[in-house]
Protein backbone atom coordinates (compact mmCIF):
# COMPACT_ATOMS: atom_id res chain seq x y z
CA UNK A 1 -7.07 6.67 3.43
CA UNK A 2 -6.05 3.66 5.50
CA UNK A 3 -2.84 3.20 7.45
CA UNK A 4 -1.98 6.81 8.30
CA UNK A 5 0.91 7.07 10.75
CA UNK A 6 3.66 9.46 11.75
CA UNK A 7 5.87 10.21 8.75
CA UNK A 8 4.71 7.11 6.85
CA UNK A 9 3.36 6.97 3.31
CA UNK A 10 -0.21 7.43 4.51
CA UNK A 11 0.78 10.65 6.26
CA UNK A 12 2.16 12.03 2.99
CA UNK A 13 -0.94 10.92 1.08
CA UNK A 14 -3.39 12.80 3.26
CA UNK A 15 -1.08 15.81 3.47
CA UNK A 16 -0.84 16.05 -0.31
CA UNK A 17 -4.54 15.40 -0.86
CA UNK A 18 -5.32 18.32 1.43
CA UNK A 19 -2.74 20.47 -0.38
CA UNK A 20 -4.27 19.56 -3.74
CA UNK A 21 -7.64 20.84 -2.60
CA UNK A 22 -9.59 17.69 -1.73
CA UNK A 23 -12.91 18.76 -0.21
CA UNK A 24 -12.72 16.20 2.59
CA UNK A 25 -9.97 13.76 3.53
CA UNK A 26 -10.59 10.88 5.90
CA UNK A 27 -7.45 9.59 7.61
CA UNK A 28 -7.77 6.21 9.31
CA UNK A 29 -5.51 4.04 11.43
CA UNK A 30 -5.52 1.39 14.13
CA UNK A 31 -4.19 4.12 16.43
CA UNK A 32 -5.93 7.28 15.22
CA UNK A 33 -4.46 9.29 18.08
CA UNK A 34 -1.13 9.21 16.22
CA UNK A 35 -2.51 10.97 13.14
CA UNK A 36 -1.17 14.51 13.03
CA UNK A 37 -2.23 16.19 9.80
CA UNK A 38 -4.26 19.42 9.91
CA UNK A 39 -7.44 19.54 7.87
CA UNK A 40 -8.37 15.83 7.90
CA UNK A 41 -11.16 13.86 9.55
CA UNK A 42 -9.70 11.11 11.72
CA UNK A 43 -11.38 7.70 12.00
CA UNK A 44 -10.47 4.41 13.61
CA UNK A 45 -10.01 1.52 11.18
CA UNK A 46 -8.29 -1.81 11.82
CA UNK A 47 -7.90 -4.20 8.89
CA UNK A 48 -8.42 -7.15 11.22
CA UNK A 49 -11.67 -5.75 12.64
CA UNK A 50 -14.61 -5.76 10.25
CA UNK A 51 -16.77 -3.79 12.66
CA UNK A 52 -14.29 -0.91 12.58
CA UNK A 53 -14.12 -1.13 8.78
CA UNK A 54 -17.90 -1.02 8.41
CA UNK A 55 -18.17 1.80 10.94
CA UNK A 56 -15.65 3.89 9.01
CA UNK A 57 -17.45 3.22 5.72
CA UNK A 58 -20.74 4.27 7.30
CA UNK A 59 -19.24 7.64 8.28
CA UNK A 60 -17.26 8.27 5.09
CA UNK A 61 -20.19 7.91 2.71
CA UNK A 62 -19.02 10.71 0.42
CA UNK A 63 -15.69 9.07 -0.48
CA UNK A 64 -14.76 9.07 -4.17
CA UNK A 65 -11.15 7.91 -3.73
CA UNK A 66 -10.14 5.00 -1.51
CA UNK A 67 -6.41 4.59 -0.87
CA UNK A 68 -5.49 1.25 0.71
CA UNK A 69 -2.13 1.87 2.35
CA UNK A 70 -2.47 -0.10 5.59
CA UNK A 71 -0.43 -3.29 5.80
CA UNK A 72 1.85 -5.19 8.14
CA UNK A 73 5.46 -6.18 7.58
CA UNK A 74 7.17 -9.02 9.46
CA UNK A 75 10.93 -8.95 8.99
CA UNK A 76 12.57 -12.37 9.04
CA UNK A 77 9.37 -14.29 8.36
CA UNK A 78 9.85 -17.13 5.85
CA UNK A 79 7.56 -19.95 4.76
CA UNK A 80 9.62 -22.94 5.85
CA UNK A 81 10.42 -21.99 9.43
CA UNK A 82 8.06 -19.10 10.19
CA UNK A 83 5.30 -19.29 12.77
CA UNK A 84 2.19 -20.48 10.87
CA UNK A 85 0.01 -18.10 12.88
CA UNK A 86 2.17 -15.14 11.85
CA UNK A 87 2.06 -16.23 8.21
CA UNK A 88 -1.72 -16.48 8.29
CA UNK A 89 -1.92 -13.16 10.11
CA UNK A 90 0.11 -11.42 7.43
CA UNK A 91 -2.24 -12.63 4.71
CA UNK A 92 -5.31 -11.90 6.84
CA UNK A 93 -4.21 -8.28 7.13
CA UNK A 94 -2.56 -7.51 3.79
CA UNK A 95 -4.96 -9.44 1.57
CA UNK A 96 -8.21 -10.24 3.35
CA UNK A 97 -8.21 -7.02 5.36
CA UNK A 98 -7.68 -4.92 2.25
CA UNK A 99 -10.48 -6.80 0.51
CA UNK A 100 -12.80 -6.21 3.47
CA UNK A 101 -12.14 -2.47 3.18
CA UNK A 102 -12.85 -2.49 -0.55
CA UNK A 103 -16.07 -4.47 -0.13
CA UNK A 104 -17.21 -2.05 2.57
CA UNK A 105 -16.47 1.10 0.59
CA UNK A 106 -17.39 -0.09 -2.94
CA UNK A 107 -21.14 0.64 -2.59
CA UNK A 108 -20.38 4.19 -1.49
CA UNK A 109 -18.01 4.69 -4.39
CA UNK A 110 -20.71 3.48 -6.77
CA UNK A 111 -23.23 5.86 -5.24
CA UNK A 112 -20.78 8.73 -5.71
CA UNK A 113 -20.28 8.10 -9.41
CA UNK A 114 -17.73 5.29 -9.29
CA UNK A 115 -14.62 7.04 -8.06
CA UNK A 116 -11.30 5.27 -7.77
CA UNK A 117 -9.35 2.81 -5.63
CA UNK A 118 -5.58 2.89 -5.23
CA UNK A 119 -3.94 -0.16 -3.67
CA UNK A 120 -0.47 0.48 -2.28
CA UNK A 121 1.62 -2.59 -3.11
CA UNK A 122 5.34 -3.37 -3.26
CA UNK A 123 7.92 -4.55 -5.78
CA UNK A 124 8.57 -7.32 -3.23
CA UNK A 125 5.58 -8.95 -4.96
CA UNK A 126 7.83 -9.59 -7.95
CA UNK A 127 10.98 -10.67 -6.15
CA UNK A 128 12.39 -12.85 -3.40
CA UNK A 129 14.68 -12.14 -0.50
CA UNK A 130 15.29 -14.23 2.58
CA UNK A 131 13.29 -12.78 5.44
CA UNK A 132 10.61 -11.01 3.42
CA UNK A 133 9.27 -13.89 1.33
CA UNK A 134 5.96 -14.10 3.20
CA UNK A 135 5.43 -10.36 2.97
CA UNK A 136 6.27 -10.45 -0.73
CA UNK A 137 3.80 -13.27 -1.34
CA UNK A 138 1.06 -11.34 0.45
CA UNK A 139 1.73 -8.36 -1.82
CA UNK A 140 1.77 -10.65 -4.87
CA UNK A 141 -1.68 -11.88 -3.84
CA UNK A 142 -2.80 -8.28 -3.37
CA UNK A 143 -1.47 -7.42 -6.84
CA UNK A 144 -3.42 -10.26 -8.42
CA UNK A 145 -6.48 -9.27 -6.40
CA UNK A 146 -6.12 -5.68 -7.60
CA UNK A 147 -6.13 -6.83 -11.22
CA UNK A 148 -9.25 -8.91 -10.61
CA UNK A 149 -11.04 -6.09 -8.81
CA UNK A 150 -10.27 -3.76 -11.69
CA UNK A 151 -12.47 -5.79 -14.02
CA UNK A 152 -15.09 -6.59 -11.38
CA UNK A 153 -15.63 -2.95 -10.38
CA UNK A 154 -15.47 -1.49 -13.88
CA UNK A 155 -19.19 -2.07 -14.23
CA UNK A 156 -19.97 0.37 -11.43
CA UNK A 157 -17.55 2.92 -12.88
CA UNK A 158 -14.83 2.48 -10.25
CA UNK A 159 -11.27 2.86 -11.53
CA UNK A 160 -8.74 0.59 -9.80
CA UNK A 161 -5.02 1.28 -9.83
CA UNK A 162 -1.92 -0.08 -8.10
CA UNK A 163 1.00 1.87 -6.66
CA UNK A 164 4.21 -0.16 -6.65
CA UNK A 165 7.58 0.92 -5.31
CA UNK A 166 10.67 -0.67 -3.85
CA UNK A 167 12.00 1.53 -1.06
CA UNK A 168 10.44 4.63 0.44
CA UNK A 169 12.64 6.55 2.87
CA UNK A 170 10.20 6.30 5.76
CA UNK A 171 11.62 5.82 9.25
CA UNK A 172 10.53 2.14 9.57
CA UNK A 173 11.90 1.11 6.17
CA UNK A 174 15.10 3.06 6.68
CA UNK A 175 15.61 1.30 10.02
CA UNK A 176 14.99 -2.10 8.40
CA UNK A 177 17.41 -1.36 5.55
CA UNK A 178 20.09 -0.21 7.98
CA UNK A 179 19.66 -3.37 10.05
CA UNK A 180 19.93 -5.63 6.99
CA UNK A 181 22.68 -3.92 5.00
CA UNK A 182 24.33 -1.54 7.42
CA UNK A 183 23.68 2.12 8.25
CA UNK A 184 23.26 4.21 5.13
CA UNK A 185 24.27 1.45 2.68
CA UNK A 186 20.91 1.43 0.87
CA UNK A 187 20.14 5.14 1.18
CA UNK A 188 20.86 5.77 -2.51
CA UNK A 189 18.15 3.27 -3.46
CA UNK A 190 15.50 4.94 -1.35
CA UNK A 191 13.02 7.49 -2.63
CA UNK A 192 11.50 10.33 -0.64
CA UNK A 193 7.98 9.18 0.34
CA UNK A 194 6.59 12.57 -0.66
CA UNK A 195 7.93 11.97 -4.18
CA UNK A 196 6.33 8.51 -4.33
CA UNK A 197 2.99 9.92 -3.23
CA UNK A 198 3.20 12.75 -5.75
CA UNK A 199 3.85 10.26 -8.53
CA UNK A 200 0.92 8.14 -7.29
CA UNK A 201 -1.54 11.02 -7.36
CA UNK A 202 -0.29 12.21 -10.74
CA UNK A 203 -0.65 8.65 -12.05
CA UNK A 204 -4.21 8.46 -10.80
CA UNK A 205 -5.08 11.73 -12.49
CA UNK A 206 -3.68 10.45 -15.77
CA UNK A 207 -5.55 7.14 -15.50
CA UNK A 208 -2.58 4.80 -15.11
CA UNK A 209 -3.55 1.26 -14.16
CA UNK A 210 -0.17 0.57 -12.57
CA UNK A 211 2.08 3.27 -11.15
CA UNK A 212 5.73 2.24 -10.83
CA UNK A 213 7.03 4.92 -8.50
CA UNK A 214 10.76 4.21 -8.33
CA UNK A 215 13.54 2.52 -10.28
CA UNK A 216 13.41 -0.60 -8.10
CA UNK A 217 9.80 -1.17 -9.11
CA UNK A 218 10.58 -0.54 -12.77
CA UNK A 219 13.48 -3.02 -12.68
CA UNK A 220 11.52 -5.65 -10.77
CA UNK A 221 8.62 -5.49 -13.24
CA UNK A 222 11.02 -5.75 -16.18
CA UNK A 223 12.66 -8.82 -14.63
CA UNK A 224 9.36 -10.71 -14.83
CA UNK A 225 9.75 -11.04 -18.59
CA UNK A 226 13.34 -12.22 -18.54
CA UNK A 227 15.62 -14.73 -16.85
CA UNK A 228 17.53 -12.00 -15.06
CA UNK A 229 17.78 -11.95 -11.29
CA UNK A 230 15.16 -9.88 -9.57
CA UNK A 231 16.06 -6.59 -7.98
CA UNK A 232 15.83 -7.99 -4.47
CA UNK A 233 17.88 -11.06 -5.29
CA UNK A 234 20.57 -8.73 -6.61
CA UNK A 235 20.44 -6.59 -3.49
CA UNK A 236 20.60 -9.66 -1.28
CA UNK A 237 23.74 -10.90 -3.03
CA UNK A 238 25.63 -7.67 -2.36
């Protein structure tokens, strides 16, 4: 499990995996000292540091489920006026870093019977909103990459799925939403992160290739096949 932090989605993932009886749960982060979940094995892993990725994979050789949750978000970063280094950095982390993790862990998954990979994405991949366009594009690339990996890893028996949601009520996202729309304005559109994680794990168990975990994700996916405004365009116009 990558990207485990205080009260974030990764925290809920490892907590629920332990509760569901997983034999061993590895929780990784750039700052592992912030991981506070009983019953997990804590490892350092930084998506921008291949040595840390390879070191974690060398320890966690018995993994049969890889959850790629780690990512970075840069509020206010657009293509036309954003710092090119920040734009490249976002893609280096969210796309190339995730791929590096998958390449490092794929042999172990194969050795353990194939297992599964869950990539945590975002409905921002299917929408546009001033200030998150670069982030959305990085998640769109990760979505396309996920679909490609699904076919590439099928031969070794590894199942690849995507978790997509719009707004999880984690402290960072709640703070961002309050800053953009005003305190509490978007609360009704947010979903408890524990609920999102529960739907993700249930979806994995039932073999779903794509898990749309909230109404925002469902609406954004539906908008791809029509001329209707995307969910985030609609929110931005309010």
